[in-house]
N, C-alpha and C. Protein backbone atom coordinates (compact mmCIF):
# COMPACT_ATOMS: atom_id res chain seq x y z
N UNK A 1 24.57 17.73 16.85
CA UNK A 1 24.20 17.38 15.46
C UNK A 1 22.75 16.91 15.47
N UNK A 2 21.92 17.57 14.63
CA UNK A 2 20.51 17.30 14.62
C UNK A 2 20.23 16.49 13.34
N UNK A 3 19.56 15.31 13.47
CA UNK A 3 19.21 14.53 12.33
C UNK A 3 17.73 14.68 12.13
N UNK A 4 17.34 15.09 10.89
CA UNK A 4 15.91 15.18 10.51
C UNK A 4 15.46 13.91 9.89
N UNK A 5 14.30 13.42 10.36
CA UNK A 5 13.81 12.18 9.82
C UNK A 5 12.77 12.53 8.72
N UNK A 6 12.94 11.91 7.63
CA UNK A 6 12.03 12.09 6.46
C UNK A 6 10.86 11.28 6.72
N UNK A 7 9.61 11.71 6.40
CA UNK A 7 8.45 10.87 6.56
C UNK A 7 8.48 9.67 5.63
N UNK A 8 7.92 8.56 6.10
CA UNK A 8 7.94 7.35 5.31
C UNK A 8 6.92 7.36 4.27
N UNK A 9 5.96 8.21 4.38
CA UNK A 9 4.87 8.34 3.36
C UNK A 9 4.49 9.82 3.18
N UNK A 10 3.86 10.14 2.09
CA UNK A 10 3.50 11.48 1.80
C UNK A 10 1.93 11.56 2.14
N UNK A 11 1.59 12.42 3.06
CA UNK A 11 0.17 12.53 3.40
C UNK A 11 -0.64 12.98 2.19
N UNK A 12 -1.80 12.41 2.03
CA UNK A 12 -2.73 12.82 0.92
C UNK A 12 -3.68 13.78 1.57
N UNK A 13 -4.17 14.69 0.73
CA UNK A 13 -5.09 15.72 1.29
C UNK A 13 -6.45 15.00 1.58
N UNK A 14 -7.02 15.39 2.73
CA UNK A 14 -8.32 14.86 3.14
C UNK A 14 -9.51 15.67 2.58
N UNK A 15 -10.61 15.52 3.28
CA UNK A 15 -11.86 16.10 2.83
C UNK A 15 -11.73 17.66 2.84
N UNK A 16 -11.38 18.26 3.90
CA UNK A 16 -11.35 19.78 3.95
C UNK A 16 -10.32 20.39 2.89
N UNK A 17 -9.25 19.68 2.81
CA UNK A 17 -8.31 20.14 1.77
C UNK A 17 -8.77 20.05 0.36
N UNK A 18 -9.44 18.99 0.10
CA UNK A 18 -9.94 18.81 -1.28
C UNK A 18 -11.07 19.88 -1.61
N UNK A 19 -11.89 20.20 -0.60
CA UNK A 19 -12.88 21.20 -0.78
C UNK A 19 -12.23 22.59 -1.09
N UNK A 20 -11.18 22.88 -0.36
CA UNK A 20 -10.48 24.17 -0.61
C UNK A 20 -9.88 24.21 -2.00
N UNK A 21 -9.22 23.08 -2.42
CA UNK A 21 -8.69 23.05 -3.77
C UNK A 21 -9.81 23.17 -4.82
N UNK A 22 -10.97 22.47 -4.58
CA UNK A 22 -12.05 22.64 -5.55
C UNK A 22 -12.61 24.08 -5.63
N UNK A 23 -12.69 24.71 -4.45
CA UNK A 23 -13.20 26.10 -4.31
C UNK A 23 -12.19 27.02 -5.15
N UNK A 24 -10.90 26.80 -5.00
CA UNK A 24 -9.95 27.69 -5.70
C UNK A 24 -10.04 27.37 -7.23
N UNK A 25 -10.22 26.14 -7.54
CA UNK A 25 -10.31 25.79 -9.02
C UNK A 25 -11.59 26.46 -9.60
N UNK A 26 -12.65 26.49 -8.90
CA UNK A 26 -13.93 27.10 -9.39
C UNK A 26 -13.70 28.66 -9.57
N UNK A 27 -12.96 29.28 -8.54
CA UNK A 27 -12.65 30.70 -8.63
C UNK A 27 -11.86 30.98 -9.85
N UNK A 28 -10.85 30.16 -10.11
CA UNK A 28 -9.84 30.41 -11.17
C UNK A 28 -10.47 30.16 -12.58
N UNK A 29 -11.10 29.07 -12.72
CA UNK A 29 -11.67 28.68 -14.04
C UNK A 29 -13.07 28.98 -14.27
N UNK A 30 -13.88 29.09 -13.26
CA UNK A 30 -15.28 29.32 -13.46
C UNK A 30 -16.01 27.98 -13.45
N UNK A 31 -17.28 27.96 -13.14
CA UNK A 31 -18.01 26.72 -12.96
C UNK A 31 -18.27 26.10 -14.36
N UNK A 32 -18.41 26.82 -15.32
CA UNK A 32 -18.72 26.41 -16.74
C UNK A 32 -17.49 25.68 -17.36
N UNK A 33 -16.30 26.15 -17.04
CA UNK A 33 -15.10 25.58 -17.65
C UNK A 33 -14.61 24.28 -16.97
N UNK A 34 -14.97 24.01 -15.74
CA UNK A 34 -14.40 22.91 -15.02
C UNK A 34 -14.80 21.58 -15.74
N UNK A 35 -16.00 21.25 -16.31
CA UNK A 35 -16.20 20.07 -16.97
C UNK A 35 -15.40 19.91 -18.21
N UNK A 36 -15.16 21.03 -18.92
CA UNK A 36 -14.29 21.00 -20.18
C UNK A 36 -12.86 20.73 -19.76
N UNK A 37 -12.42 21.41 -18.67
CA UNK A 37 -11.11 21.17 -18.21
C UNK A 37 -10.87 19.68 -17.85
N UNK A 38 -11.84 19.10 -17.11
CA UNK A 38 -11.71 17.70 -16.70
C UNK A 38 -11.69 16.72 -17.84
N UNK A 39 -12.53 17.11 -18.87
CA UNK A 39 -12.62 16.28 -20.06
C UNK A 39 -11.33 16.25 -20.84
N UNK A 40 -10.72 17.46 -21.04
CA UNK A 40 -9.51 17.58 -21.75
C UNK A 40 -8.38 16.93 -21.01
N UNK A 41 -8.38 16.98 -19.67
CA UNK A 41 -7.36 16.31 -18.83
C UNK A 41 -7.50 14.82 -19.07
N UNK A 42 -8.68 14.27 -18.98
CA UNK A 42 -8.94 12.88 -19.22
C UNK A 42 -8.44 12.36 -20.58
N UNK A 43 -8.79 13.18 -21.63
CA UNK A 43 -8.29 12.79 -22.92
C UNK A 43 -6.81 12.82 -23.04
N UNK A 44 -6.15 13.80 -22.42
CA UNK A 44 -4.67 13.83 -22.41
C UNK A 44 -4.07 12.68 -21.72
N UNK A 45 -4.73 12.26 -20.62
CA UNK A 45 -4.23 11.15 -19.83
C UNK A 45 -4.43 9.86 -20.72
N UNK A 46 -5.51 9.71 -21.41
CA UNK A 46 -5.81 8.54 -22.31
C UNK A 46 -4.78 8.48 -23.40
N UNK A 47 -4.37 9.64 -24.07
CA UNK A 47 -3.43 9.66 -25.08
C UNK A 47 -2.08 9.27 -24.52
N UNK A 48 -1.74 9.78 -23.36
CA UNK A 48 -0.51 9.41 -22.72
C UNK A 48 -0.41 7.88 -22.45
N UNK A 49 -1.52 7.30 -21.96
CA UNK A 49 -1.54 5.89 -21.69
C UNK A 49 -1.38 5.06 -22.95
N UNK A 50 -2.00 5.51 -24.02
CA UNK A 50 -1.89 4.79 -25.30
C UNK A 50 -0.42 4.80 -25.86
N UNK A 51 0.17 5.99 -25.72
CA UNK A 51 1.57 6.15 -26.13
C UNK A 51 2.51 5.30 -25.34
N UNK A 52 2.27 5.24 -24.01
CA UNK A 52 3.09 4.42 -23.16
C UNK A 52 2.91 2.89 -23.48
N UNK A 53 1.67 2.48 -23.72
CA UNK A 53 1.47 1.10 -24.04
C UNK A 53 2.14 0.71 -25.36
N UNK A 54 2.13 1.68 -26.33
CA UNK A 54 2.73 1.45 -27.64
C UNK A 54 4.29 1.31 -27.43
N UNK A 55 4.82 2.09 -26.63
CA UNK A 55 6.37 1.99 -26.41
C UNK A 55 6.63 0.64 -25.78
N UNK A 56 5.85 0.30 -24.75
CA UNK A 56 6.04 -0.92 -24.07
C UNK A 56 6.02 -2.12 -24.91
N UNK A 57 5.00 -2.14 -25.92
CA UNK A 57 4.82 -3.30 -26.81
C UNK A 57 6.06 -3.37 -27.73
N UNK A 58 6.54 -2.14 -28.19
CA UNK A 58 7.60 -2.15 -29.16
C UNK A 58 8.92 -2.66 -28.41
N UNK A 59 9.10 -2.21 -27.18
CA UNK A 59 10.25 -2.78 -26.38
C UNK A 59 10.13 -4.29 -26.22
N UNK A 60 8.90 -4.77 -25.90
CA UNK A 60 8.80 -6.22 -25.77
C UNK A 60 9.04 -6.90 -27.06
N UNK A 61 8.58 -6.42 -28.18
CA UNK A 61 8.89 -6.99 -29.49
C UNK A 61 10.40 -7.09 -29.73
N UNK A 62 11.06 -5.99 -29.40
CA UNK A 62 12.55 -5.92 -29.56
C UNK A 62 13.19 -7.04 -28.69
N UNK A 63 12.74 -7.21 -27.38
CA UNK A 63 13.33 -8.23 -26.57
C UNK A 63 13.00 -9.61 -27.11
N UNK A 64 11.83 -9.85 -27.65
CA UNK A 64 11.54 -11.20 -28.20
C UNK A 64 12.28 -11.47 -29.46
N UNK A 65 12.51 -10.41 -30.32
CA UNK A 65 13.11 -10.59 -31.62
C UNK A 65 14.69 -10.84 -31.36
N UNK A 66 15.24 -10.19 -30.36
CA UNK A 66 16.60 -10.41 -30.03
C UNK A 66 17.42 -9.38 -30.82
N UNK A 67 18.63 -9.08 -30.27
CA UNK A 67 19.52 -8.13 -30.83
C UNK A 67 20.51 -8.79 -31.84
N UNK A 68 20.60 -10.11 -31.93
CA UNK A 68 21.49 -10.74 -32.85
C UNK A 68 21.05 -10.51 -34.36
N UNK A 69 19.73 -10.51 -34.58
CA UNK A 69 19.25 -10.30 -35.91
C UNK A 69 19.53 -8.90 -36.44
N UNK A 70 19.44 -7.90 -35.52
CA UNK A 70 19.72 -6.54 -35.89
C UNK A 70 21.16 -6.38 -36.20
N UNK A 71 22.10 -7.06 -35.56
CA UNK A 71 23.56 -6.89 -35.79
C UNK A 71 23.86 -7.47 -37.21
N UNK A 72 23.21 -8.59 -37.57
CA UNK A 72 23.54 -9.10 -38.89
C UNK A 72 23.01 -8.26 -40.02
N UNK A 73 21.86 -7.63 -39.78
CA UNK A 73 21.22 -6.76 -40.84
C UNK A 73 21.87 -5.36 -40.78
N UNK A 74 22.60 -5.02 -39.74
CA UNK A 74 23.09 -3.67 -39.58
C UNK A 74 24.25 -3.38 -40.52
N UNK A 75 24.88 -4.39 -41.16
CA UNK A 75 26.00 -4.16 -42.10
C UNK A 75 25.47 -3.46 -43.30
N UNK A 76 24.30 -3.51 -43.69
CA UNK A 76 23.75 -2.75 -44.85
C UNK A 76 23.76 -1.25 -44.62
N UNK A 77 23.70 -0.83 -43.39
CA UNK A 77 23.62 0.65 -43.08
C UNK A 77 25.01 1.22 -43.06
N UNK A 78 26.11 0.53 -43.28
CA UNK A 78 27.46 1.08 -43.25
C UNK A 78 27.59 2.24 -44.20
N UNK A 79 28.18 3.33 -43.78
CA UNK A 79 28.39 4.46 -44.66
C UNK A 79 29.88 4.74 -44.57
N UNK A 80 30.53 4.76 -45.72
CA UNK A 80 32.01 5.02 -45.87
C UNK A 80 32.23 6.53 -45.77
N UNK A 81 32.84 7.03 -44.81
CA UNK A 81 33.10 8.45 -44.58
C UNK A 81 34.52 8.85 -45.02
N UNK A 82 35.24 8.03 -45.58
CA UNK A 82 36.58 8.42 -46.01
C UNK A 82 36.58 9.35 -47.17
N UNK A 83 37.68 9.96 -47.41
CA UNK A 83 37.80 11.02 -48.49
C UNK A 83 37.53 10.38 -49.82
N UNK A 84 36.84 11.11 -50.71
CA UNK A 84 36.43 10.64 -52.02
C UNK A 84 37.50 10.95 -53.05
N UNK A 85 38.36 11.91 -52.75
CA UNK A 85 39.42 12.35 -53.67
C UNK A 85 40.39 11.21 -53.92
N UNK A 86 40.79 11.13 -55.18
CA UNK A 86 41.69 10.03 -55.60
C UNK A 86 43.10 10.46 -55.24
N UNK A 87 44.12 9.47 -55.34
CA UNK A 87 45.45 9.83 -54.93
C UNK A 87 46.10 11.01 -55.74
N UNK A 88 45.80 11.10 -57.00
CA UNK A 88 46.41 12.04 -57.81
C UNK A 88 45.99 13.45 -57.64
N UNK A 89 44.77 13.65 -57.06
CA UNK A 89 44.26 15.01 -56.90
C UNK A 89 44.49 15.48 -55.48
N UNK A 90 44.60 16.76 -55.34
CA UNK A 90 44.81 17.34 -54.03
C UNK A 90 43.60 18.23 -53.68
N UNK A 91 43.15 18.19 -52.43
CA UNK A 91 42.07 18.98 -51.96
C UNK A 91 42.63 20.42 -51.70
N UNK A 92 41.67 21.35 -51.54
CA UNK A 92 42.11 22.73 -51.21
C UNK A 92 42.86 22.83 -49.93
N UNK A 93 42.48 22.17 -48.85
CA UNK A 93 43.12 22.22 -47.65
C UNK A 93 44.56 21.60 -47.67
N UNK A 94 44.82 20.55 -48.49
CA UNK A 94 46.11 19.98 -48.61
C UNK A 94 46.99 20.98 -49.32
N UNK A 95 46.55 21.71 -50.36
CA UNK A 95 47.27 22.68 -51.08
C UNK A 95 47.63 23.78 -50.13
N UNK A 96 46.75 24.30 -49.38
CA UNK A 96 47.06 25.40 -48.51
C UNK A 96 48.07 25.01 -47.49
N UNK A 97 48.09 23.76 -46.98
CA UNK A 97 49.05 23.39 -46.00
C UNK A 97 50.41 23.21 -46.55
N UNK A 98 50.48 22.73 -47.86
CA UNK A 98 51.79 22.66 -48.43
C UNK A 98 52.40 23.96 -48.81
N UNK A 99 51.64 24.97 -49.09
CA UNK A 99 52.19 26.27 -49.43
C UNK A 99 52.64 27.08 -48.21
N UNK A 100 52.05 26.75 -47.10
CA UNK A 100 52.43 27.50 -45.89
C UNK A 100 53.68 27.03 -45.26
């Protein structure tokens, strides 16, 4: 039985690897598009960060507010899903069941 040990850390690329990755990126996108690509990536990361912070603050507000207040106010949202037909009238499915 051979047991393989998983590495405790993931190695990060060093200098030569980063140069190879940069060279491939220049070949794929061209030297003119690299700054635009970096700018759009930075903007996307900034938007993601803002969204994450917004969700975190909303969750924190919910924790501070407490769930008891939501339970008391939740009764207003109750929707009655029972049948609207009165006792004297029959629905189409009831009539079909009785005739079969």
